């Protein structure tokens, strides 16, 4: 009695590899934009905790100093919206980022964060 072989065919394996390569390339393109967003989000949370009674100018100066270290160029100090909620400082920003993928195809991402989240 012969046993029927089971497993993945060569064409199935190639299709799986193509899908995995596409996902990896997408991650390599989108990864830096997402990493920059999370870095900026952490910076506004840190500044909001450190500068509770600070003026708007001091907060913007702290932003410039911290983003110089992390090399965040998408958001400038003038893009920050700084408000007060009771005794707490709330810093927020929102921006749009277009990530070119290949040829004339790109990915458009809206990022928004505030220090209260």
Protein backbone atom coordinates (compact mmCIF):
# COMPACT_ATOMS: atom_id res chain seq x y z
CA UNK A 1 0.00 0.00 0.00
CA UNK A 2 1.49 3.38 -1.04
CA UNK A 3 1.22 6.37 1.25
CA UNK A 4 0.19 9.62 -0.40
CA UNK A 5 2.73 12.33 0.17
CA UNK A 6 1.48 15.56 1.69
CA UNK A 7 3.19 18.88 2.02
CA UNK A 8 3.75 22.20 0.32
CA UNK A 9 4.38 22.26 -3.39
CA UNK A 10 7.11 24.40 -4.92
CA UNK A 11 4.60 26.87 -6.36
CA UNK A 12 2.89 27.20 -2.97
CA UNK A 13 6.23 27.83 -1.31
CA UNK A 14 7.12 30.51 -3.86
CA UNK A 15 3.78 32.27 -3.29
CA UNK A 16 4.32 32.26 0.47
CA UNK A 17 7.85 33.68 0.03
CA UNK A 18 6.59 36.44 -2.29
CA UNK A 19 3.96 37.45 0.27
CA UNK A 20 6.51 37.43 3.10
CA UNK A 21 8.97 39.51 1.06
CA UNK A 22 6.23 42.04 0.24
CA UNK A 23 5.29 42.36 3.92
CA UNK A 24 8.96 42.76 4.89
CA UNK A 25 9.52 45.48 2.28
CA UNK A 26 6.40 47.29 3.45
CA UNK A 27 7.71 47.12 7.01
CA UNK A 28 11.08 48.53 5.95
CA UNK A 29 9.38 51.47 4.25
CA UNK A 30 6.78 52.24 6.93
CA UNK A 31 8.92 51.37 9.97
CA UNK A 32 10.95 54.60 10.18
CA UNK A 33 7.81 56.78 9.99
CA UNK A 34 6.11 54.81 12.75
CA UNK A 35 9.27 54.81 14.89
CA UNK A 36 9.55 58.59 14.51
CA UNK A 37 5.91 59.00 15.60
CA UNK A 38 6.35 56.90 18.74
CA UNK A 39 9.58 58.73 19.58
CA UNK A 40 7.80 62.10 19.23
CA UNK A 41 4.91 60.83 21.34
CA UNK A 42 7.30 59.79 24.12
CA UNK A 43 9.02 63.17 23.97
CA UNK A 44 5.79 65.15 24.46
CA UNK A 45 4.84 62.92 27.40
CA UNK A 46 8.26 63.49 28.97
CA UNK A 47 8.13 67.25 28.43
CA UNK A 48 4.60 67.47 29.83
CA UNK A 49 5.71 65.69 33.02
CA UNK A 50 8.93 67.69 33.41
CA UNK A 51 7.56 71.15 32.53
CA UNK A 52 4.28 71.33 34.46
CA UNK A 53 4.45 75.06 35.23
CA UNK A 54 6.57 76.11 32.28
CA UNK A 55 5.67 78.70 29.69
CA UNK A 56 4.90 77.90 26.07
CA UNK A 57 8.31 79.22 24.98
CA UNK A 58 10.10 76.97 27.48
CA UNK A 59 8.14 73.94 26.27
CA UNK A 60 8.96 74.70 22.64
CA UNK A 61 12.64 75.12 23.56
CA UNK A 62 12.62 71.77 25.37
CA UNK A 63 11.02 70.19 22.29
CA UNK A 64 13.75 71.60 20.04
CA UNK A 65 16.47 70.29 22.35
CA UNK A 66 15.02 66.78 22.63
CA UNK A 67 14.21 66.43 18.94
CA UNK A 68 17.70 67.50 18.00
CA UNK A 69 18.99 64.43 19.83
CA UNK A 70 16.41 62.04 18.32
CA UNK A 71 16.56 63.70 14.87
CA UNK A 72 12.83 64.26 14.50
CA UNK A 73 12.42 66.54 11.51
CA UNK A 74 8.76 66.01 10.63
CA UNK A 75 7.39 68.04 13.54
CA UNK A 76 8.73 71.44 14.51
CA UNK A 77 8.14 73.34 17.74
CA UNK A 78 5.60 75.58 16.01
CA UNK A 79 3.51 72.50 15.09
CA UNK A 80 2.89 71.71 18.76
CA UNK A 81 -0.43 72.67 20.29
CA UNK A 82 0.12 73.50 23.95
CA UNK A 83 -2.83 73.87 26.33
CA UNK A 84 -3.49 73.58 30.04
CA UNK A 85 -5.97 71.17 31.59
CA UNK A 86 -6.29 72.16 35.21
CA UNK A 87 -2.73 72.19 36.48
CA UNK A 88 -1.39 69.88 33.78
CA UNK A 89 0.21 70.87 30.51
CA UNK A 90 -1.23 69.09 27.48
CA UNK A 91 0.98 68.96 24.40
CA UNK A 92 -0.41 67.60 21.16
CA UNK A 93 0.49 67.35 17.50
CA UNK A 94 -0.97 65.98 14.30
CA UNK A 95 0.65 65.51 10.92
CA UNK A 96 0.35 63.57 7.69
CA UNK A 97 3.11 61.44 6.23
CA UNK A 98 3.28 60.00 2.75
CA UNK A 99 5.54 56.97 2.43
CA UNK A 100 6.46 56.14 -1.18
CA UNK A 101 6.36 52.39 -1.73
CA UNK A 102 7.28 51.79 -5.37
CA UNK A 103 6.70 53.44 -8.74
CA UNK A 104 3.79 55.85 -8.26
CA UNK A 105 2.23 53.95 -5.34
CA UNK A 106 2.50 55.28 -1.82
CA UNK A 107 0.98 55.00 1.61
CA UNK A 108 -0.63 57.99 3.29
CA UNK A 109 -0.67 57.94 7.11
CA UNK A 110 -2.27 60.40 9.55
CA UNK A 111 -0.47 60.61 12.89
CA UNK A 112 -1.86 62.38 15.97
CA UNK A 113 -0.92 62.24 19.64
CA UNK A 114 -1.20 64.18 22.86
CA UNK A 115 0.52 63.95 26.20
CA UNK A 116 -2.67 62.94 28.06
CA UNK A 117 -3.03 59.57 26.28
